[in-house]
C-alpha atoms as a PDB file:
ATOM      1  CA  MET A   1       0.000   0.000   0.000  1.00  0.00           C
ATOM      2  CA  LYS A   2       2.864   2.354   0.863  1.00  0.00           C
ATOM      3  CA  GLU A   3       4.459   1.687  -2.516  1.00  0.00           C
ATOM      4  CA  ILE A   4       1.256   2.578  -4.327  1.00  0.00           C
ATOM      5  CA  ILE A   5       0.913   5.871  -2.442  1.00  0.00           C
ATOM      6  CA  ILE A   6       4.562   6.773  -3.101  1.00  0.00           C
ATOM      7  CA  PHE A   7       4.125   5.866  -6.773  1.00  0.00           C
ATOM      8  CA  LEU A   8       0.987   8.036  -7.024  1.00  0.00           C
ATOM      9  CA  ILE A   9       2.730  10.990  -5.360  1.00  0.00           C
ATOM     10  CA  ILE A  10       5.721  10.715  -7.694  1.00  0.00           C
ATOM     11  CA  PHE A  11       3.393  10.357 -10.678  1.00  0.00           C
ATOM     12  CA  LEU A  12       1.347  13.422  -9.706  1.00  0.00           C
ATOM     13  CA  ILE A  13       4.455  15.533  -9.099  1.00  0.00           C
ATOM     14  CA  THR A  14       5.949  14.462 -12.422  1.00  0.00           C
ATOM     15  CA  PHE A  15       2.659  15.061 -14.227  1.00  0.00           C
ATOM     16  CA  SER A  16       2.123  18.497 -12.670  1.00  0.00           C
ATOM     17  CA  PHE A  17       5.627  19.662 -13.614  1.00  0.00           C
ATOM     18  CA  ALA A  18       5.561  18.078 -17.057  1.00  0.00           C
ATOM     19  CA  GLN A  19       6.585  20.420 -19.807  1.00  0.00           C
ATOM     20  CA  ASN A  20       4.192  20.919 -22.636  1.00  0.00           C
ATOM     21  CA  ILE A  21       6.489  19.517 -25.278  1.00  0.00           C
ATOM     22  CA  PRO A  22       5.115  20.366 -28.715  1.00  0.00           C
ATOM     23  CA  VAL A  23       4.756  17.821 -31.467  1.00  0.00           C
ATOM     24  CA  ILE A  24       7.725  17.801 -33.865  1.00  0.00           C
ATOM     25  CA  GLU A  25       7.249  20.023 -36.929  1.00  0.00           C
ATOM     26  CA  ASN A  26       5.256  18.097 -39.472  1.00  0.00           C
ATOM     27  CA  ARG A  27       3.210  18.697 -42.576  1.00  0.00           C
ATOM     28  CA  SER A  28       1.703  16.387 -45.134  1.00  0.00           C
ATOM     29  CA  LYS A  29       0.238  17.030 -48.571  1.00  0.00           C
ATOM     30  CA  VAL A  30      -2.785  14.766 -48.802  1.00  0.00           C
ATOM     31  CA  ILE A  31      -5.613  13.735 -51.024  1.00  0.00           C
ATOM     32  CA  ALA A  32      -8.520  12.911 -48.751  1.00  0.00           C
ATOM     33  CA  LYS A  33     -12.164  11.969 -48.988  1.00  0.00           C
ATOM     34  CA  VAL A  34     -14.550  13.986 -46.821  1.00  0.00           C
ATOM     35  CA  ARG A  35     -16.570  11.641 -44.600  1.00  0.00           C
ATOM     36  CA  GLY A  36     -18.291  14.359 -42.578  1.00  0.00           C
ATOM     37  CA  VAL A  37     -18.418  18.108 -41.885  1.00  0.00           C
ATOM     38  CA  ILE A  38     -18.898  19.374 -38.328  1.00  0.00           C
ATOM     39  CA  LEU A  39     -19.698  23.072 -38.034  1.00  0.00           C
ATOM     40  CA  ARG A  40     -18.945  24.713 -34.692  1.00  0.00           C
ATOM     41  CA  ASP A  41     -19.350  28.320 -33.586  1.00  0.00           C
ATOM     42  CA  PHE A  42     -18.427  30.434 -36.608  1.00  0.00           C
ATOM     43  CA  PRO A  43     -15.738  30.368 -37.952  1.00  0.00           C
ATOM     44  CA  ASN A  44     -14.598  27.077 -36.397  1.00  0.00           C
ATOM     45  CA  GLY A  45     -15.307  23.643 -37.766  1.00  0.00           C
ATOM     46  CA  GLU A  46     -13.985  20.151 -38.312  1.00  0.00           C
ATOM     47  CA  LEU A  47     -13.772  17.738 -41.211  1.00  0.00           C
ATOM     48  CA  ILE A  48     -13.793  13.985 -40.851  1.00  0.00           C
ATOM     49  CA  LEU A  49     -11.332  12.839 -43.512  1.00  0.00           C
ATOM     50  CA  GLU A  50     -10.158   9.532 -44.901  1.00  0.00           C
ATOM     51  CA  ILE A  51      -6.585   9.864 -46.194  1.00  0.00           C
ATOM     52  CA  LEU A  52      -6.367   8.454 -49.733  1.00  0.00           C
ATOM     53  CA  GLU A  53      -2.776   9.559 -50.426  1.00  0.00           C
ATOM     54  CA  SER A  54      -0.117  11.252 -48.319  1.00  0.00           C
ATOM     55  CA  VAL A  55       3.031  12.856 -49.693  1.00  0.00           C
ATOM     56  CA  ASN A  56       6.044  14.140 -47.774  1.00  0.00           C
ATOM     57  CA  ILE A  57       6.782  17.858 -47.781  1.00  0.00           C
ATOM     58  CA  GLU A  58      10.514  18.508 -47.806  1.00  0.00           C
ATOM     59  CA  GLY A  59      11.837  19.536 -44.391  1.00  0.00           C
ATOM     60  CA  TYR A  60       8.864  18.173 -42.427  1.00  0.00           C
ATOM     61  CA  LYS A  61       7.854  14.829 -40.928  1.00  0.00           C
ATOM     62  CA  ASN A  62       4.802  13.174 -42.449  1.00  0.00           C
ATOM     63  CA  PHE A  63       2.344  11.886 -39.834  1.00  0.00           C
ATOM     64  CA  ALA A  64      -0.648  11.353 -42.164  1.00  0.00           C
ATOM     65  CA  LYS A  65      -0.897   7.785 -43.421  1.00  0.00           C
ATOM     66  CA  LYS A  66      -2.954   6.332 -46.252  1.00  0.00           C
ATOM     67  CA  GLY A  67      -6.138   4.779 -44.864  1.00  0.00           C
ATOM     68  CA  ASP A  68      -6.228   6.853 -41.651  1.00  0.00           C
ATOM     69  CA  VAL A  69      -9.536   8.430 -40.705  1.00  0.00           C
ATOM     70  CA  ILE A  70      -8.955  11.678 -38.816  1.00  0.00           C
ATOM     71  CA  ILE A  71     -10.748  14.779 -37.573  1.00  0.00           C
ATOM     72  CA  ALA A  72      -9.105  17.941 -38.936  1.00  0.00           C
ATOM     73  CA  ASN A  73      -9.877  21.328 -37.396  1.00  0.00           C
ATOM     74  CA  PHE A  74     -10.178  24.435 -39.529  1.00  0.00           C
ATOM     75  CA  ILE A  75     -10.299  28.100 -38.679  1.00  0.00           C
ATOM     76  CA  PRO A  76     -10.638  30.146 -41.868  1.00  0.00           C
ATOM     77  CA  ARG A  77      -7.668  32.489 -41.577  1.00  0.00           C
ATOM     78  CA  GLU A  78      -6.964  32.141 -45.266  1.00  0.00           C
ATOM     79  CA  PRO A  79      -9.434  32.240 -48.185  1.00  0.00           C
ATOM     80  CA  SER A  80      -9.044  28.576 -49.172  1.00  0.00           C
ATOM     81  CA  LEU A  81     -10.376  27.415 -45.798  1.00  0.00           C
ATOM     82  CA  TYR A  82     -13.803  28.999 -46.366  1.00  0.00           C
ATOM     83  CA  LEU A  83     -14.292  26.183 -48.871  1.00  0.00           C
ATOM     84  CA  CYS A  84     -14.590  23.810 -45.877  1.00  0.00           C
ATOM     85  CA  TYR A  85     -18.094  25.196 -45.194  1.00  0.00           C
ATOM     86  CA  PHE A  86     -19.273  24.051 -48.608  1.00  0.00           C
ATOM     87  CA  LEU A  87     -17.793  20.554 -48.648  1.00  0.00           C
ATOM     88  CA  LYS A  88     -20.021  17.540 -48.338  1.00  0.00           C
ATOM     89  CA  PRO A  89     -19.428  13.841 -47.665  1.00  0.00           C
ATOM     90  CA  LYS A  90     -17.762  12.001 -50.574  1.00  0.00           C
ATOM     91  CA  ASP A  91     -15.983  15.147 -51.865  1.00  0.00           C
ATOM     92  CA  GLU A  92     -12.271  14.697 -52.503  1.00  0.00           C
ATOM     93  CA  ILE A  93      -9.858  17.410 -51.440  1.00  0.00           C
ATOM     94  CA  LEU A  94      -6.200  18.226 -51.819  1.00  0.00           C
ATOM     95  CA  ALA A  95      -4.872  19.827 -48.615  1.00  0.00           C
ATOM     96  CA  ILE A  96      -1.972  20.349 -46.274  1.00  0.00           C
ATOM     97  CA  LEU A  97      -2.387  18.677 -42.867  1.00  0.00           C
ATOM     98  CA  GLU A  98      -0.418  19.469 -39.742  1.00  0.00           C
ATOM     99  CA  PHE A  99      -0.539  17.595 -36.441  1.00  0.00           C
ATOM    100  CA  VAL A 100      -0.222  20.198 -33.646  1.00  0.00           C
ATOM    101  CA  GLY A 101      -0.251  20.316 -29.857  1.00  0.00           C
ATOM    102  CA  ASP A 102       1.650  18.832 -26.949  1.00  0.00           C
ATOM    103  CA  GLU A 103       1.390  15.703 -24.797  1.00  0.00           C
ATOM    104  CA  ARG A 104      -1.848  16.937 -23.214  1.00  0.00           C
ATOM    105  CA  LYS A 105      -3.807  18.108 -26.228  1.00  0.00           C
ATOM    106  CA  ARG A 106      -3.165  17.197 -29.843  1.00  0.00           C
ATOM    107  CA  MET A 107      -5.153  17.728 -33.019  1.00  0.00           C
ATOM    108  CA  TRP A 108      -4.963  17.859 -36.777  1.00  0.00           C
ATOM    109  CA  MET A 109      -5.143  21.268 -38.464  1.00  0.00           C
ATOM    110  CA  ILE A 110      -5.971  21.625 -42.140  1.00  0.00           C
ATOM    111  CA  ARG A 111      -4.465  24.260 -44.434  1.00  0.00           C
ATOM    112  CA  ASP A 112      -4.615  25.151 -48.157  1.00  0.00           C
ATOM    113  CA  VAL A 113      -7.750  23.243 -49.171  1.00  0.00           C
ATOM    114  CA  GLU A 114      -8.609  22.627 -52.819  1.00  0.00           C
ATOM    115  CA  LYS A 115     -11.595  20.579 -53.948  1.00  0.00           C
ATOM    116  CA  ARG A 116     -10.760  17.861 -56.443  1.00  0.00           C
ATOM    117  CA  GLU A 117     -13.350  17.304 -59.085  1.00  0.00           C
ATOM    118  CA  LYS A 118     -12.095  14.719 -61.482  1.00  0.00           C
ATOM    119  CA  ILE A 119     -13.491  14.823 -64.956  1.00  0.00           C
ATOM    120  CA  GLU A 120     -14.387  11.629 -66.694  1.00  0.00           C
ATOM    121  CA  GLU A 121     -13.399  10.742 -70.219  1.00  0.00           C
ATOM    122  CA  LYS A 122     -17.018  11.181 -71.336  1.00  0.00           C
ATOM    123  CA  ASP A 123     -16.773  14.896 -70.393  1.00  0.00           C
ATOM    124  CA  ILE A 124     -13.652  15.559 -72.477  1.00  0.00           C
ATOM    125  CA  GLU A 125     -15.484  16.041 -75.785  1.00  0.00           C
ATOM    126  CA  GLU A 126     -17.705  18.788 -74.354  1.00  0.00           C
ATOM    127  CA  ILE A 127     -14.735  20.580 -72.768  1.00  0.00           C
ATOM    128  CA  LEU A 128     -12.804  20.379 -76.056  1.00  0.00           C
ATOM    129  CA  ARG A 129     -15.820  21.669 -78.044  1.00  0.00           C
ATOM    130  CA  TYR A 130     -16.060  24.806 -75.876  1.00  0.00           C
ATOM    131  CA  TYR A 131     -12.296  25.282 -76.006  1.00  0.00           C
ATOM    132  CA  LEU A 132     -12.130  25.023 -79.801  1.00  0.00           C
ATOM    133  CA  PHE A 133     -15.231  27.216 -80.259  1.00  0.00           C
ATOM    134  CA  THR A 134     -13.967  30.017 -77.980  1.00  0.00           C
ATOM    135  CA  LYS A 135     -10.563  29.910 -79.709  1.00  0.00           C
ATOM    136  CA  GLY A 136     -12.360  30.356 -83.048  1.00  0.00           C
ATOM    137  CA  LEU A 137     -11.105  27.055 -84.421  1.00  0.00           C
ATOM    138  CA  ILE A 138     -14.581  25.602 -85.060  1.00  0.00           C
ATOM    139  CA  ASP A 139     -18.153  26.858 -85.440  1.00  0.00           C
ATOM    140  CA  LYS A 140     -20.671  26.177 -82.706  1.00  0.00           C
ATOM    141  CA  ASP A 141     -21.649  22.879 -84.345  1.00  0.00           C
ATOM    142  CA  GLY A 142     -18.268  22.289 -85.999  1.00  0.00           C
ATOM    143  CA  ARG A 143     -16.810  18.839 -86.340  1.00  0.00           C
ATOM    144  CA  PHE A 144     -13.560  17.679 -84.858  1.00  0.00           C
ATOM    145  CA  TYR A 145     -12.022  14.396 -83.898  1.00  0.00           C
ATOM    146  CA  TYR A 146      -9.846  13.679 -80.919  1.00  0.00           C
ATOM    147  CA  LYS A 147      -7.857  10.847 -79.514  1.00  0.00           C
ATOM    148  CA  ILE A 148      -6.402  10.451 -76.024  1.00  0.00           C
ATOM    149  CA  ILE A 149      -2.779   9.539 -76.601  1.00  0.00           C
ATOM    150  CA  GLU A 150      -1.636   9.290 -72.993  1.00  0.00           C
ATOM    151  CA  ASN A 151      -3.511   9.040 -69.721  1.00  0.00           C
ATOM    152  CA  LYS A 152      -0.868   9.136 -66.980  1.00  0.00           C
ATOM    153  CA  GLU A 153      -0.519  12.279 -64.902  1.00  0.00           C
ATOM    154  CA  VAL A 154      -2.503  14.335 -67.438  1.00  0.00           C
ATOM    155  CA  TYR A 155      -4.505  13.614 -70.548  1.00  0.00           C
ATOM    156  CA  LYS A 156      -2.431  14.125 -73.705  1.00  0.00           C
ATOM    157  CA  ILE A 157      -4.956  14.721 -76.482  1.00  0.00           C
ATOM    158  CA  GLU A 158      -4.542  14.937 -80.228  1.00  0.00           C
ATOM    159  CA  ILE A 159      -7.302  16.967 -81.932  1.00  0.00           C
ATOM    160  CA  LYS A 160      -7.939  16.845 -85.681  1.00  0.00           C
ATOM    161  CA  ILE A 161      -9.879  19.664 -87.367  1.00  0.00           C
ATOM    162  CA  ASP A 162     -10.054  19.186 -91.141  1.00  0.00           C
ATOM    163  CA  ASP A 163      -6.360  18.767 -92.085  1.00  0.00           C
ATOM    164  CA  ARG A 164      -5.024  20.455 -88.971  1.00  0.00           C
ATOM    165  CA  ILE A 165      -3.723  18.587 -85.902  1.00  0.00           C
ATOM    166  CA  ILE A 166      -3.482  20.219 -82.463  1.00  0.00           C
ATOM    167  CA  ASN A 167      -1.926  18.605 -79.410  1.00  0.00           C
ATOM    168  CA  ILE A 168      -3.018  19.732 -75.947  1.00  0.00           C
ATOM    169  CA  TYR A 169      -2.706  18.567 -72.365  1.00  0.00           C
ATOM    170  CA  MET A 170      -5.596  18.490 -69.917  1.00  0.00           C
ATOM    171  CA  ASP A 171      -5.315  17.763 -66.211  1.00  0.00           C
ATOM    172  CA  TYR A 172      -7.838  15.626 -64.348  1.00  0.00           C
ATOM    173  CA  LEU A 173      -9.769  18.743 -63.296  1.00  0.00           C
ATOM    174  CA  GLY A 174     -10.466  19.632 -66.936  1.00  0.00           C
ATOM    175  CA  ARG A 175      -7.971  22.493 -67.132  1.00  0.00           C
ATOM    176  CA  ILE A 176      -6.265  22.791 -70.502  1.00  0.00           C
ATOM    177  CA  LYS A 177      -2.546  23.468 -70.712  1.00  0.00           C
ATOM    178  CA  GLU A 178      -1.556  24.825 -74.099  1.00  0.00           C
END
């Protein structure tokens, strides 16, 4: 019994004088699926995220792991974080995550949020039609043919208009890179 009391006293003294040692500097660039949005008193909120991919950021530790389900806090101090209010379950985002706190209180903070809206190959023709029309390369109902040459990090597309061939690149968000 004496040993238990001495142990408890030592534990309480150690705990009360414990330094609030912060978590080591860390940041992760992640692609995550939103599983839930929790709105708190404005402007605070939380996102329940499933990490789909996690990439190291040079100079920082990476604590986010593929497959983890976490709660990430957001306080819109930068414009991109206001997007968090408009996210819904099943949305995919690209963001920077940071694990902050000390041994008593720790949490994930989210920064630099961008919604990922992948286009599908069936949408490419419509995007190309508007692109070619606004560039003045075809009429509103003009004909063109296209072929996806490569589908790795971006779509590499070859477009044929009459006898003319144009090569363009399109990312998975539908943005064209000339």
